[in-house]
Amino acid sequence: MKNIFLLLAVLISFNSNAALISISLDKSQYQLNETISGQLVVSEFTESLGGFWAQLNFDPVVLSMESWQFGNGFDDGLGSLQFDEYNESGGSLYLGDYSDLFADTNVLLANQGTEFVLASFTAKSNSAGSHMLTSNDFGLLNFGNDFVDVNFVPQNINVVNATQVPEPGTWLLMFASLLILGRSQFRKGKRF
């Protein structure tokens, strides 16, 4: 069902000529208690962007955010206005980054290109299963501070229990050693 929702969100975003905010993960599957690295990426925009906001929502029993940092798409070298708020018990991370009103648009255009990283984050997987990173509050502004049509694509995170590495079969090794030792003793006995 989650895959159908994701597919519909992607199809809607491609048909509406809107910018797209999506989450890119470093792997498709994670082990329990493994660090998850992800990026919040914007693409398919048609004008210079001046800022963004997005609230990432997740199950706090399943994931815990460890760190986050903003990209450089709204920084012309003199900084940008960055806001973040982490609600650990509520399972949300709010991020906002805005360029200065007097920022050099040529530098912003060069930093933004055709797609760029709004922010990156690391989280820890605390529970096995399939989990969603979603957003119910997100948006983009162009450099003139007008709203830009934007869609958000949620991301599914698959976490599996770590497969235990079997310890060496001590009994098997001992049995094999005894067979080799017995065989060599048997050969010694035939020589006499």
Protein backbone atom coordinates (compact mmCIF):
# COMPACT_ATOMS: atom_id res chain seq x y z
CA MET A 1 0.00 0.00 0.00
CA LYS A 2 2.87 2.37 0.84
CA ASN A 3 4.45 1.71 -2.55
CA ILE A 4 1.20 2.64 -4.28
CA PHE A 5 1.07 5.90 -2.31
CA LEU A 6 4.68 6.66 -3.27
CA LEU A 7 3.99 5.88 -6.94
CA LEU A 8 0.91 8.14 -6.97
CA ALA A 9 2.86 10.97 -5.36
CA VAL A 10 5.58 10.68 -7.98
CA LEU A 11 3.08 10.53 -10.86
CA ILE A 12 1.21 13.58 -9.58
CA SER A 13 4.44 15.52 -9.22
CA PHE A 14 5.52 14.74 -12.79
CA ASN A 15 2.16 15.78 -14.25
CA SER A 16 1.82 19.11 -12.45
CA ASN A 17 5.01 20.94 -13.54
CA ALA A 18 5.77 21.64 -9.91
CA ALA A 19 9.11 21.57 -8.16
CA LEU A 20 9.82 18.36 -6.29
CA ILE A 21 11.22 17.86 -2.80
CA SER A 22 12.34 14.29 -2.19
CA ILE A 23 14.47 12.32 0.24
CA SER A 24 17.50 10.46 -1.05
CA LEU A 25 18.98 7.71 1.14
CA ASP A 26 22.48 6.25 0.97
CA LYS A 27 21.17 2.64 0.93
CA SER A 28 17.96 0.80 0.17
CA GLN A 29 18.04 -1.35 3.32
CA TYR A 30 19.50 -0.91 6.79
CA GLN A 31 20.37 -3.16 9.70
CA LEU A 32 18.89 -2.58 13.14
CA ASN A 33 20.81 0.16 15.04
CA GLU A 34 22.59 1.23 11.84
CA THR A 35 23.10 4.89 10.93
CA ILE A 36 20.89 6.11 8.11
CA SER A 37 22.26 8.94 5.95
CA GLY A 38 19.85 10.94 3.86
CA GLN A 39 19.46 14.14 1.91
CA LEU A 40 16.49 16.40 1.33
CA VAL A 41 16.78 17.30 -2.36
CA VAL A 42 14.88 19.79 -4.51
CA SER A 43 14.59 19.32 -8.28
CA GLU A 44 12.42 20.26 -11.25
CA PHE A 45 12.25 23.95 -10.30
CA THR A 46 12.19 26.52 -13.09
CA GLU A 47 13.32 29.69 -11.32
CA SER A 48 15.88 30.86 -8.80
CA LEU A 49 14.79 29.76 -5.33
CA GLY A 50 15.00 31.98 -2.29
CA GLY A 51 14.10 29.62 0.53
CA PHE A 52 12.45 26.43 1.73
CA TRP A 53 10.83 24.90 4.78
CA ALA A 54 10.01 21.28 5.46
CA GLN A 55 8.97 19.28 8.47
CA LEU A 56 10.14 15.67 8.36
CA ASN A 57 7.81 13.35 10.27
CA PHE A 58 8.77 9.89 11.52
CA ASP A 59 7.91 7.41 14.24
CA PRO A 60 10.17 8.30 17.22
CA VAL A 61 10.14 4.68 18.38
CA VAL A 62 11.55 3.61 15.03
CA LEU A 63 14.00 6.44 14.22
CA SER A 64 15.99 8.98 16.18
CA MET A 65 17.69 11.88 14.44
CA GLU A 66 21.37 12.21 15.26
CA SER A 67 22.52 15.22 13.21
CA TRP A 68 21.54 17.49 10.34
CA GLN A 69 23.05 20.30 8.32
CA PHE A 70 21.88 22.65 5.60
CA GLY A 71 23.05 22.69 1.99
CA ASN A 72 24.56 25.76 0.33
CA GLY A 73 21.82 26.48 -2.23
CA PHE A 74 20.65 29.64 -0.44
CA ASP A 75 24.10 30.89 0.60
CA ASP A 76 25.85 33.39 -1.68
CA GLY A 77 28.98 33.25 0.46
CA LEU A 78 27.70 35.67 3.08
CA GLY A 79 25.43 33.16 4.81
CA SER A 80 21.74 32.40 4.83
CA LEU A 81 19.00 32.40 7.46
CA GLN A 82 18.70 28.86 8.82
CA PHE A 83 16.15 27.50 11.28
CA ASP A 84 15.81 24.05 12.78
CA GLU A 85 13.70 22.50 15.50
CA TYR A 86 13.86 18.87 16.58
CA ASN A 87 10.96 17.31 18.48
CA GLU A 88 12.37 13.99 19.65
CA SER A 89 9.24 12.73 21.43
CA GLY A 90 6.90 13.91 18.66
CA GLY A 91 9.01 12.49 15.83
CA SER A 92 9.58 15.60 13.74
CA LEU A 93 12.43 17.71 12.45
CA TYR A 94 11.58 21.18 11.12
CA LEU A 95 14.11 22.77 8.75
CA GLY A 96 14.05 26.17 7.07
CA ASP A 97 16.70 27.98 5.06
CA TYR A 98 16.30 31.37 3.35
CA SER A 99 18.68 33.47 1.28
CA ASP A 100 19.42 37.03 2.27
CA LEU A 101 17.28 39.62 0.44
CA PHE A 102 20.44 41.18 -0.98
CA ALA A 103 22.10 37.89 -1.94
CA ASP A 104 23.97 37.65 -5.24
CA THR A 105 21.51 35.83 -7.53
CA ASN A 106 24.29 34.71 -9.89
CA VAL A 107 25.98 32.85 -7.01
CA LEU A 108 22.64 31.36 -5.94
CA LEU A 109 21.94 30.17 -9.50
CA ALA A 110 25.39 28.55 -9.66
CA ASN A 111 24.85 26.85 -6.27
CA GLN A 112 21.38 25.63 -7.16
CA GLY A 113 21.94 24.32 -10.70
CA THR A 114 19.12 22.02 -11.80
CA GLU A 115 18.83 20.28 -8.42
CA PHE A 116 20.50 20.72 -5.07
CA VAL A 117 20.61 19.45 -1.49
CA LEU A 118 18.43 21.46 0.87
CA ALA A 119 19.71 19.60 3.92
CA SER A 120 21.33 16.33 4.90
CA PHE A 121 20.72 14.26 8.01
CA THR A 122 21.72 11.13 9.87
CA ALA A 123 19.36 9.03 11.95
CA LYS A 124 19.56 5.79 13.89
CA SER A 125 17.25 2.85 13.18
CA ASN A 126 15.76 1.65 16.47
CA SER A 127 13.21 -0.85 15.20
CA ALA A 128 12.99 -3.35 12.35
CA GLY A 129 10.34 -3.05 9.66
CA SER A 130 9.26 -0.72 6.88
CA HIS A 131 8.92 2.91 7.97
CA MET A 132 7.96 6.15 6.22
CA LEU A 133 9.59 9.57 6.32
CA THR A 134 6.84 12.03 5.41
CA SER A 135 6.08 15.74 5.50
CA ASN A 136 2.78 17.53 5.98
CA ASP A 137 4.33 21.02 6.05
CA PHE A 138 6.72 22.01 3.26
CA GLY A 139 7.20 24.78 0.75
CA LEU A 140 9.48 26.77 -1.52
CA LEU A 141 9.86 30.47 -2.21
CA ASN A 142 11.39 31.99 -5.32
CA PHE A 143 13.94 34.78 -4.97
CA GLY A 144 11.12 37.37 -5.11
CA ASN A 145 9.51 35.67 -2.04
CA ASP A 146 6.58 34.27 -4.04
CA PHE A 147 5.38 30.75 -3.35
CA VAL A 148 6.50 28.06 -5.79
CA ASP A 149 4.29 25.05 -6.60
CA VAL A 150 5.98 22.08 -4.96
CA ASN A 151 5.28 18.42 -4.27
CA PHE A 152 6.89 16.24 -1.62
CA VAL A 153 7.69 12.58 -2.17
CA PRO A 154 7.80 10.54 1.06
CA GLN A 155 10.55 7.96 1.51
CA ASN A 156 10.24 4.39 2.73
CA ILE A 157 13.02 3.10 5.01
CA ASN A 158 13.51 -0.66 5.30
CA VAL A 159 15.20 -1.90 8.48
CA VAL A 160 15.99 -5.58 9.05
CA ASN A 161 17.30 -7.43 12.08
CA ALA A 162 21.02 -8.02 11.85
CA THR A 163 21.70 -11.56 10.83
CA GLN A 164 23.86 -13.16 13.46
CA VAL A 165 27.19 -14.42 12.27
CA PRO A 166 27.35 -18.06 13.28
CA GLU A 167 30.19 -18.94 15.60
CA PRO A 168 32.62 -21.55 14.29
CA GLY A 169 31.27 -25.02 14.69
CA THR A 170 33.55 -25.98 17.56
CA TRP A 171 32.28 -29.53 17.67
CA LEU A 172 32.64 -29.89 13.92
CA LEU A 173 36.22 -28.63 14.02
CA MET A 174 37.06 -30.93 16.92
CA PHE A 175 35.47 -33.90 15.16
CA ALA A 176 37.40 -33.16 11.95
CA SER A 177 40.64 -32.88 13.94
CA LEU A 178 39.96 -36.20 15.64
CA LEU A 179 39.30 -37.84 12.28
CA ILE A 180 42.58 -36.54 10.87
CA LEU A 181 44.45 -37.57 14.00
CA GLY A 182 42.80 -41.00 13.97
CA ARG A 183 43.57 -41.48 10.31
CA SER A 184 47.22 -40.62 10.81
CA GLN A 185 47.39 -43.00 13.79
CA PHE A 186 45.71 -45.72 11.73
CA ARG A 187 48.29 -45.29 8.94
CA LYS A 188 51.10 -45.48 11.46
CA GLY A 189 49.61 -48.71 12.78
CA LYS A 190 49.55 -50.32 9.28
CA ARG A 191 53.20 -49.68 8.70
CA PHE A 192 54.25 -51.93 11.52
